[in-house]
Amino acid sequence: MWFEKFRSTLLGFSFTQSLYDHSLFLQRTSKGIVILLVYVDDIVVTGFDQTAIYATHQLLHSTFHMKDLGQLTYFLGLEVCYQPAGLFFNQHKYN
């Protein structure tokens, strides 16, 4: 039931659900795209339109009891490293 409410909330906010991965939602805007991925009780929101990302955060916080954990550092076994040259992903824990 929780996921269906989550899904219908996102669809009502102009997101589309991926046909290939039902936990992936996309929102196209005039400035770019917002990508939302949900896995169990973790949600990653990213994209190129910072205004739309902020609006998505506001929508989620006003509709669901959520906690923002800040900048992504780990997700599904991937470590995210922020460098001046860009983002780097690794799985050092699995070596």
N, C-alpha and C. Protein backbone atom coordinates (compact mmCIF):
# COMPACT_ATOMS: atom_id res chain seq x y z
N MET A 1 0.82 -1.20 0.00
CA MET A 1 0.00 0.00 0.00
C MET A 1 0.86 1.26 0.00
N TRP A 2 1.99 1.25 0.76
CA TRP A 2 2.84 2.44 0.81
C TRP A 2 3.37 2.78 -0.56
N PHE A 3 3.85 1.78 -1.30
CA PHE A 3 4.44 2.06 -2.60
C PHE A 3 3.39 2.59 -3.57
N GLU A 4 2.17 2.09 -3.50
CA GLU A 4 1.12 2.58 -4.40
C GLU A 4 0.80 4.04 -4.11
N LYS A 5 0.76 4.43 -2.83
CA LYS A 5 0.54 5.84 -2.50
C LYS A 5 1.72 6.67 -2.97
N PHE A 6 2.93 6.18 -2.79
CA PHE A 6 4.14 6.86 -3.25
C PHE A 6 4.09 7.03 -4.77
N ARG A 7 3.78 5.95 -5.45
CA ARG A 7 3.71 5.95 -6.92
C ARG A 7 2.67 6.95 -7.42
N SER A 8 1.47 6.91 -6.87
CA SER A 8 0.41 7.82 -7.34
C SER A 8 0.75 9.28 -7.03
N THR A 9 1.45 9.53 -5.92
CA THR A 9 1.88 10.89 -5.60
C THR A 9 2.85 11.39 -6.66
N LEU A 10 3.83 10.56 -7.03
CA LEU A 10 4.81 10.97 -8.04
C LEU A 10 4.16 11.15 -9.41
N LEU A 11 3.27 10.24 -9.78
CA LEU A 11 2.60 10.36 -11.07
C LEU A 11 1.77 11.64 -11.12
N GLY A 12 1.18 12.02 -10.00
CA GLY A 12 0.41 13.26 -9.93
C GLY A 12 1.27 14.50 -9.98
N PHE A 13 2.57 14.33 -9.80
CA PHE A 13 3.52 15.44 -9.84
C PHE A 13 4.34 15.39 -11.14
N SER A 14 3.75 14.84 -12.20
CA SER A 14 4.32 14.80 -13.55
C SER A 14 5.53 13.88 -13.71
N PHE A 15 5.70 12.92 -12.81
CA PHE A 15 6.73 11.90 -13.01
C PHE A 15 6.13 10.79 -13.85
N THR A 16 6.98 10.09 -14.58
CA THR A 16 6.56 8.88 -15.27
C THR A 16 7.35 7.72 -14.68
N GLN A 17 6.71 6.57 -14.63
CA GLN A 17 7.36 5.39 -14.07
C GLN A 17 7.98 4.59 -15.21
N SER A 18 9.21 4.14 -15.01
CA SER A 18 9.90 3.36 -16.02
C SER A 18 9.15 2.05 -16.28
N LEU A 19 9.08 1.68 -17.53
CA LEU A 19 8.47 0.41 -17.89
C LEU A 19 9.38 -0.77 -17.58
N TYR A 20 10.68 -0.49 -17.44
CA TYR A 20 11.68 -1.55 -17.28
C TYR A 20 12.09 -1.76 -15.82
N ASP A 21 11.98 -0.72 -15.02
CA ASP A 21 12.30 -0.80 -13.59
C ASP A 21 11.26 0.02 -12.85
N HIS A 22 10.33 -0.65 -12.19
CA HIS A 22 9.20 0.05 -11.57
C HIS A 22 9.60 0.90 -10.37
N SER A 23 10.85 0.81 -9.93
CA SER A 23 11.31 1.65 -8.83
C SER A 23 11.97 2.93 -9.33
N LEU A 24 12.00 3.13 -10.65
CA LEU A 24 12.62 4.29 -11.27
C LEU A 24 11.55 5.22 -11.83
N PHE A 25 11.63 6.51 -11.45
CA PHE A 25 10.69 7.52 -11.90
C PHE A 25 11.46 8.67 -12.53
N LEU A 26 10.92 9.24 -13.60
CA LEU A 26 11.56 10.33 -14.33
C LEU A 26 10.59 11.49 -14.48
N GLN A 27 11.13 12.70 -14.37
CA GLN A 27 10.33 13.90 -14.62
C GLN A 27 11.14 14.79 -15.56
N ARG A 28 10.61 15.03 -16.73
CA ARG A 28 11.28 15.91 -17.69
C ARG A 28 10.75 17.32 -17.48
N THR A 29 11.69 18.28 -17.43
CA THR A 29 11.33 19.68 -17.25
C THR A 29 11.97 20.49 -18.38
N SER A 30 11.64 21.77 -18.44
CA SER A 30 12.24 22.61 -19.47
C SER A 30 13.74 22.80 -19.24
N LYS A 31 14.20 22.58 -18.00
CA LYS A 31 15.62 22.75 -17.67
C LYS A 31 16.39 21.44 -17.62
N GLY A 32 15.72 20.33 -17.78
CA GLY A 32 16.43 19.05 -17.73
C GLY A 32 15.55 17.92 -17.27
N ILE A 33 16.07 17.13 -16.36
CA ILE A 33 15.38 15.92 -15.92
C ILE A 33 15.62 15.72 -14.42
N VAL A 34 14.62 15.14 -13.76
CA VAL A 34 14.76 14.71 -12.37
C VAL A 34 14.61 13.19 -12.38
N ILE A 35 15.53 12.52 -11.72
CA ILE A 35 15.54 11.06 -11.64
C ILE A 35 15.33 10.67 -10.19
N LEU A 36 14.38 9.80 -9.95
CA LEU A 36 14.09 9.33 -8.59
C LEU A 36 14.12 7.82 -8.61
N LEU A 37 14.92 7.24 -7.72
CA LEU A 37 15.03 5.80 -7.61
C LEU A 37 14.71 5.41 -6.18
N VAL A 38 13.81 4.46 -6.01
CA VAL A 38 13.44 4.01 -4.67
C VAL A 38 13.82 2.55 -4.52
N TYR A 39 14.42 2.23 -3.37
CA TYR A 39 14.78 0.85 -3.06
C TYR A 39 14.42 0.61 -1.60
N VAL A 40 13.42 -0.19 -1.35
CA VAL A 40 12.88 -0.48 -0.02
C VAL A 40 12.49 0.84 0.65
N ASP A 41 13.31 1.35 1.57
CA ASP A 41 12.97 2.61 2.22
C ASP A 41 14.02 3.69 1.96
N ASP A 42 14.83 3.50 0.93
CA ASP A 42 15.82 4.50 0.52
C ASP A 42 15.40 5.11 -0.81
N ILE A 43 15.55 6.43 -0.91
CA ILE A 43 15.18 7.13 -2.13
C ILE A 43 16.34 8.02 -2.54
N VAL A 44 16.72 7.94 -3.81
CA VAL A 44 17.74 8.82 -4.37
C VAL A 44 17.05 9.74 -5.36
N VAL A 45 17.27 11.04 -5.20
CA VAL A 45 16.72 12.03 -6.13
C VAL A 45 17.90 12.80 -6.71
N THR A 46 17.99 12.83 -8.02
CA THR A 46 19.08 13.54 -8.68
C THR A 46 18.58 14.08 -10.01
N GLY A 47 19.42 14.82 -10.69
CA GLY A 47 19.06 15.35 -12.00
C GLY A 47 19.73 16.67 -12.28
N PHE A 48 19.25 17.35 -13.32
CA PHE A 48 19.87 18.58 -13.79
C PHE A 48 19.06 19.82 -13.44
N ASP A 49 17.81 19.66 -13.03
CA ASP A 49 16.96 20.80 -12.72
C ASP A 49 16.86 20.95 -11.20
N GLN A 50 17.70 21.79 -10.63
CA GLN A 50 17.75 21.94 -9.18
C GLN A 50 16.44 22.46 -8.59
N THR A 51 15.74 23.31 -9.31
CA THR A 51 14.45 23.82 -8.84
C THR A 51 13.44 22.69 -8.73
N ALA A 52 13.40 21.82 -9.73
CA ALA A 52 12.47 20.69 -9.73
C ALA A 52 12.87 19.66 -8.66
N ILE A 53 14.16 19.49 -8.44
CA ILE A 53 14.62 18.57 -7.38
C ILE A 53 14.15 19.10 -6.02
N TYR A 54 14.31 20.38 -5.79
CA TYR A 54 13.86 20.99 -4.53
C TYR A 54 12.34 20.83 -4.37
N ALA A 55 11.60 21.06 -5.45
CA ALA A 55 10.14 20.90 -5.39
C ALA A 55 9.75 19.45 -5.09
N THR A 56 10.50 18.50 -5.64
CA THR A 56 10.25 17.08 -5.37
C THR A 56 10.50 16.78 -3.90
N HIS A 57 11.59 17.30 -3.35
CA HIS A 57 11.88 17.12 -1.92
C HIS A 57 10.74 17.68 -1.08
N GLN A 58 10.28 18.87 -1.42
CA GLN A 58 9.18 19.51 -0.67
C GLN A 58 7.92 18.66 -0.74
N LEU A 59 7.60 18.16 -1.93
CA LEU A 59 6.42 17.30 -2.10
C LEU A 59 6.52 16.05 -1.24
N LEU A 60 7.66 15.39 -1.29
CA LEU A 60 7.83 14.16 -0.53
C LEU A 60 7.76 14.41 0.97
N HIS A 61 8.40 15.48 1.43
CA HIS A 61 8.38 15.80 2.86
C HIS A 61 6.99 16.20 3.34
N SER A 62 6.20 16.83 2.49
CA SER A 62 4.86 17.25 2.90
C SER A 62 3.86 16.10 2.85
N THR A 63 4.18 15.05 2.10
CA THR A 63 3.24 13.93 1.93
C THR A 63 3.60 12.73 2.79
N PHE A 64 4.90 12.50 3.03
CA PHE A 64 5.36 11.32 3.75
C PHE A 64 6.28 11.74 4.89
N HIS A 65 6.35 10.91 5.91
CA HIS A 65 7.29 11.12 7.00
C HIS A 65 8.65 10.64 6.51
N MET A 66 9.55 11.60 6.27
CA MET A 66 10.83 11.25 5.67
C MET A 66 11.95 12.01 6.36
N LYS A 67 13.16 11.50 6.17
CA LYS A 67 14.36 12.13 6.70
C LYS A 67 15.34 12.29 5.54
N ASP A 68 15.87 13.50 5.35
CA ASP A 68 16.86 13.75 4.31
C ASP A 68 18.24 13.46 4.88
N LEU A 69 18.94 12.50 4.30
CA LEU A 69 20.26 12.12 4.78
C LEU A 69 21.38 12.89 4.09
N GLY A 70 21.03 13.88 3.28
CA GLY A 70 22.04 14.71 2.65
C GLY A 70 22.63 14.09 1.41
N GLN A 71 23.85 14.49 1.12
CA GLN A 71 24.54 14.05 -0.08
C GLN A 71 24.78 12.54 -0.05
N LEU A 72 24.54 11.90 -1.19
CA LEU A 72 24.67 10.45 -1.32
C LEU A 72 26.12 10.01 -1.13
N THR A 73 26.33 9.04 -0.24
CA THR A 73 27.67 8.49 -0.05
C THR A 73 27.69 6.98 -0.35
N TYR A 74 26.64 6.26 0.02
CA TYR A 74 26.52 4.83 -0.27
C TYR A 74 25.11 4.53 -0.75
N PHE A 75 24.99 3.64 -1.72
CA PHE A 75 23.68 3.18 -2.18
C PHE A 75 23.86 1.83 -2.84
N LEU A 76 23.17 0.82 -2.34
CA LEU A 76 23.19 -0.54 -2.88
C LEU A 76 24.61 -1.07 -3.09
N GLY A 77 25.47 -0.82 -2.13
CA GLY A 77 26.83 -1.33 -2.19
C GLY A 77 27.82 -0.47 -2.95
N LEU A 78 27.34 0.61 -3.55
CA LEU A 78 28.22 1.53 -4.27
C LEU A 78 28.61 2.68 -3.36
N GLU A 79 29.90 3.01 -3.36
CA GLU A 79 30.37 4.19 -2.66
C GLU A 79 30.48 5.32 -3.68
N VAL A 80 29.95 6.49 -3.32
CA VAL A 80 29.99 7.65 -4.20
C VAL A 80 31.05 8.61 -3.66
N CYS A 81 32.03 8.95 -4.48
CA CYS A 81 33.11 9.86 -4.10
C CYS A 81 33.00 11.12 -4.96
N TYR A 82 32.99 12.26 -4.29
CA TYR A 82 32.88 13.54 -4.98
C TYR A 82 34.28 14.13 -5.12
N GLN A 83 34.68 14.36 -6.37
CA GLN A 83 35.99 14.92 -6.70
C GLN A 83 35.80 16.13 -7.61
N PRO A 84 36.78 17.03 -7.68
CA PRO A 84 36.65 18.18 -8.59
C PRO A 84 36.41 17.76 -10.04
N ALA A 85 36.96 16.63 -10.44
CA ALA A 85 36.80 16.16 -11.82
C ALA A 85 35.45 15.49 -12.06
N GLY A 86 34.69 15.22 -11.02
CA GLY A 86 33.38 14.59 -11.18
C GLY A 86 33.11 13.57 -10.10
N LEU A 87 32.10 12.77 -10.34
CA LEU A 87 31.71 11.72 -9.40
C LEU A 87 32.43 10.42 -9.76
N PHE A 88 32.85 9.71 -8.73
CA PHE A 88 33.46 8.40 -8.93
C PHE A 88 32.74 7.39 -8.05
N PHE A 89 32.48 6.24 -8.62
CA PHE A 89 31.80 5.16 -7.92
C PHE A 89 32.77 4.00 -7.75
N ASN A 90 32.72 3.36 -6.58
CA ASN A 90 33.54 2.17 -6.38
C ASN A 90 32.85 1.22 -5.44
N GLN A 91 33.41 0.03 -5.35
CA GLN A 91 32.90 -1.01 -4.45
C GLN A 91 34.07 -1.57 -3.65
N HIS A 92 34.85 -0.70 -3.03
CA HIS A 92 36.01 -1.12 -2.25
C HIS A 92 35.64 -2.12 -1.14
N LYS A 93 34.45 -2.01 -0.60
CA LYS A 93 34.02 -2.92 0.45
C LYS A 93 33.98 -4.37 -0.02
N TYR A 94 33.89 -4.59 -1.32
CA TYR A 94 33.74 -5.94 -1.85
C TYR A 94 35.05 -6.52 -2.39
N ASN A 95 36.16 -5.83 -2.21
CA ASN A 95 37.46 -6.35 -2.69
C ASN A 95 38.03 -7.35 -1.72
